[in-house]
Each structure stands twice: as structure tokens, then as C-alpha cells.
Amino acid sequence: MIGKKIAIIRECRGFSQDYMAQKLGVKQPTYSSYEAADKLSDDTLVKIAEILGVSVEDIKNPMPVFMSFHNSPNSNVNSSNFNTQETLDKILTLLEKQLDQNQAMNQKILDLMDAQIRLIGVK
């Protein structure tokens, strides 16, 4: 969950994984693994949050990311460069993609349940 939220915030900020990796002093595959992780060290989270201009709590908090953007004192992100409509459009696109994935997974579960019911009924 933490990695996915970091990815969403990064994409909304318009940052690439290469950019984030460069700022963190790691290679892109290492950074990519951060976005796939459920947990990260506090030190790594602090560095990522600073680059993204959010707090560590914003990343850990399950609330939607568009509620948590702000300029932190240590941030190098300027709010005047932050296009709210563009950000909301990106968030909406990402949420629609997640919804499609969830619907596909739900359909697979229903198909498996139907198959199980048919097997039980065949006895």
C-alpha cells in the first residue's frame, strides 16, 4: 500500500521513477522496488516524502492522496507549479484503472465460484 501511494503521488507530481531514483541516489530498479513494497524504512520514507513535498504521515495515511498535498518546510516543490485540475485528472485516471482491475478480479472470483458450484453439483 505504501509503495502504491508513493507511485500515485509521484505520478501526480509529474516525476519519473528515474528522477526519484536520481534524487535518492539509487538506481531506477531500486526505486521501482520501493513502489512495489508494502513497507519501507523510516529513513527512505522521509527522503521520498521530502522529494514529493508531502509528510511521511501523508504517505502512511490511507486517506486519498489529493487530500494530503501540501508544501512541507523541507519541500522543493513550489505550490505555484501544482496544477490542481491536472492532478485531479491524473488521480481520477489512476482510480479508474484500479476500478477496472478490481472489476476484472471480481469477475475471475465469480467465475471460479461458478465452476466450484458446477463441480459440487456434478457429484
Protein backbone atom coordinates (compact mmCIF):
# COMPACT_ATOMS: atom_id res chain seq x y z
CA MET A 1 0.00 0.00 0.00
CA ILE A 2 2.75 2.47 0.84
CA GLY A 3 4.52 1.82 -2.45
CA LYS A 4 1.34 2.29 -4.46
CA LYS A 5 0.57 5.54 -2.68
CA ILE A 6 4.10 6.79 -3.36
CA ALA A 7 3.64 5.91 -7.04
CA ILE A 8 0.34 7.81 -7.22
CA ILE A 9 1.82 10.90 -5.58
CA ARG A 10 4.90 10.71 -7.81
CA GLU A 11 2.78 10.45 -10.95
CA CYS A 12 0.59 13.34 -9.83
CA ARG A 13 3.68 15.45 -9.28
CA GLY A 14 4.81 14.58 -12.81
CA PHE A 15 8.02 12.94 -11.59
CA SER A 16 9.52 9.89 -13.29
CA GLN A 17 10.99 6.92 -11.47
CA ASP A 18 14.35 7.93 -12.93
CA TYR A 19 14.00 11.40 -11.39
CA MET A 20 13.12 9.95 -7.99
CA ALA A 21 16.00 7.47 -8.16
CA GLN A 22 18.43 10.24 -9.04
CA LYS A 23 17.22 12.42 -6.16
CA LEU A 24 17.51 9.47 -3.75
CA GLY A 25 20.93 8.42 -5.05
CA VAL A 26 19.78 4.94 -6.09
CA LYS A 27 19.32 3.15 -9.40
CA GLN A 28 15.91 3.14 -11.05
CA PRO A 29 15.26 -0.60 -10.39
CA THR A 30 15.88 0.01 -6.70
CA TYR A 31 13.45 2.89 -6.69
CA SER A 32 10.92 0.78 -8.60
CA SER A 33 11.14 -1.82 -5.83
CA TYR A 34 10.17 0.90 -3.33
CA GLU A 35 6.93 1.45 -5.23
CA ALA A 36 6.22 -2.29 -5.12
CA ALA A 37 6.87 -2.52 -1.38
CA ASP A 38 4.36 -2.67 1.45
CA LYS A 39 6.95 -1.35 3.92
CA LEU A 40 9.95 0.92 3.68
CA SER A 41 12.48 2.07 6.23
CA ASP A 42 11.68 5.30 8.02
CA ASP A 43 14.82 6.88 6.54
CA THR A 44 13.73 6.03 2.99
CA LEU A 45 10.20 7.26 3.65
CA VAL A 46 11.49 10.59 4.99
CA LYS A 47 13.64 11.12 1.88
CA ILE A 48 10.81 10.19 -0.51
CA ALA A 49 8.30 12.38 1.32
CA GLU A 50 10.68 15.33 1.17
CA ILE A 51 11.15 14.97 -2.59
CA LEU A 52 7.40 14.61 -3.15
CA GLY A 53 6.57 17.56 -0.90
CA VAL A 54 4.38 15.59 1.50
CA SER A 55 4.84 14.31 5.03
CA VAL A 56 5.59 10.70 5.92
CA GLU A 57 2.18 10.61 7.60
CA ASP A 58 0.58 11.68 4.33
CA ILE A 59 2.13 8.62 2.69
CA LYS A 60 1.16 6.27 5.52
CA ASN A 61 -2.36 7.68 5.89
CA PRO A 62 -4.98 5.67 3.99
CA MET A 63 -6.86 8.86 3.08
CA PRO A 64 -6.89 9.74 -0.63
CA VAL A 65 -3.73 11.46 -1.75
CA PHE A 66 -5.48 14.51 -3.19
CA MET A 67 -6.46 15.38 0.36
CA SER A 68 -2.90 15.34 1.59
CA PHE A 69 -0.86 17.55 -0.75
CA HIS A 70 0.82 20.48 0.89
CA ASN A 71 4.11 22.29 0.89
CA SER A 72 6.28 20.93 3.64
CA PRO A 73 9.01 23.18 5.01
CA ASN A 74 11.64 20.88 3.54
CA SER A 75 9.94 20.51 0.18
CA ASN A 76 11.46 21.68 -3.07
CA VAL A 77 8.01 21.59 -4.68
CA ASN A 78 6.54 25.01 -5.35
CA SER A 79 2.76 25.18 -4.97
CA SER A 80 2.55 27.60 -7.90
CA ASN A 81 3.72 24.72 -10.12
CA PHE A 82 1.00 22.47 -8.76
CA ASN A 83 -1.90 22.26 -11.22
CA THR A 84 -4.87 21.05 -9.17
CA GLN A 85 -7.10 20.14 -12.13
CA GLU A 86 -4.30 18.24 -13.83
CA THR A 87 -3.54 16.42 -10.59
CA LEU A 88 -7.18 15.52 -10.02
CA ASP A 89 -7.42 14.27 -13.62
CA LYS A 90 -4.38 12.04 -13.05
CA ILE A 91 -5.83 10.74 -9.79
CA LEU A 92 -9.16 10.03 -11.49
CA THR A 93 -7.39 8.14 -14.28
CA LEU A 94 -5.46 6.07 -11.75
CA LEU A 95 -8.61 5.34 -9.73
CA GLU A 96 -10.49 4.32 -12.87
CA LYS A 97 -7.64 1.96 -13.76
CA GLN A 98 -7.77 0.48 -10.25
CA LEU A 99 -11.54 0.08 -10.52
CA ASP A 100 -11.18 -1.77 -13.82
CA GLN A 101 -8.59 -4.08 -12.25
CA ASN A 102 -10.86 -4.71 -9.26
CA GLN A 103 -13.82 -5.46 -11.51
CA ALA A 104 -11.75 -7.92 -13.54
CA MET A 105 -10.58 -9.64 -10.34
CA ASN A 106 -14.16 -9.81 -9.04
CA GLN A 107 -15.26 -11.43 -12.30
CA LYS A 108 -12.50 -14.03 -12.00
CA ILE A 109 -13.64 -14.82 -8.46
CA LEU A 110 -17.25 -15.17 -9.60
CA ASP A 111 -16.16 -17.46 -12.45
CA LEU A 112 -14.19 -19.63 -10.03
CA MET A 113 -17.15 -19.79 -7.66
CA ASP A 114 -19.46 -20.82 -10.54
CA ALA A 115 -17.00 -23.52 -11.56
CA GLN A 116 -16.82 -24.79 -7.98
CA ILE A 117 -20.62 -24.90 -7.73
CA ARG A 118 -20.81 -26.87 -11.01
CA LEU A 119 -18.23 -29.34 -9.71
CA ILE A 120 -20.10 -29.85 -6.46
CA GLY A 121 -23.37 -30.31 -8.32
CA VAL A 122 -21.81 -32.88 -10.70
CA LYS A 123 -21.05 -35.43 -7.95
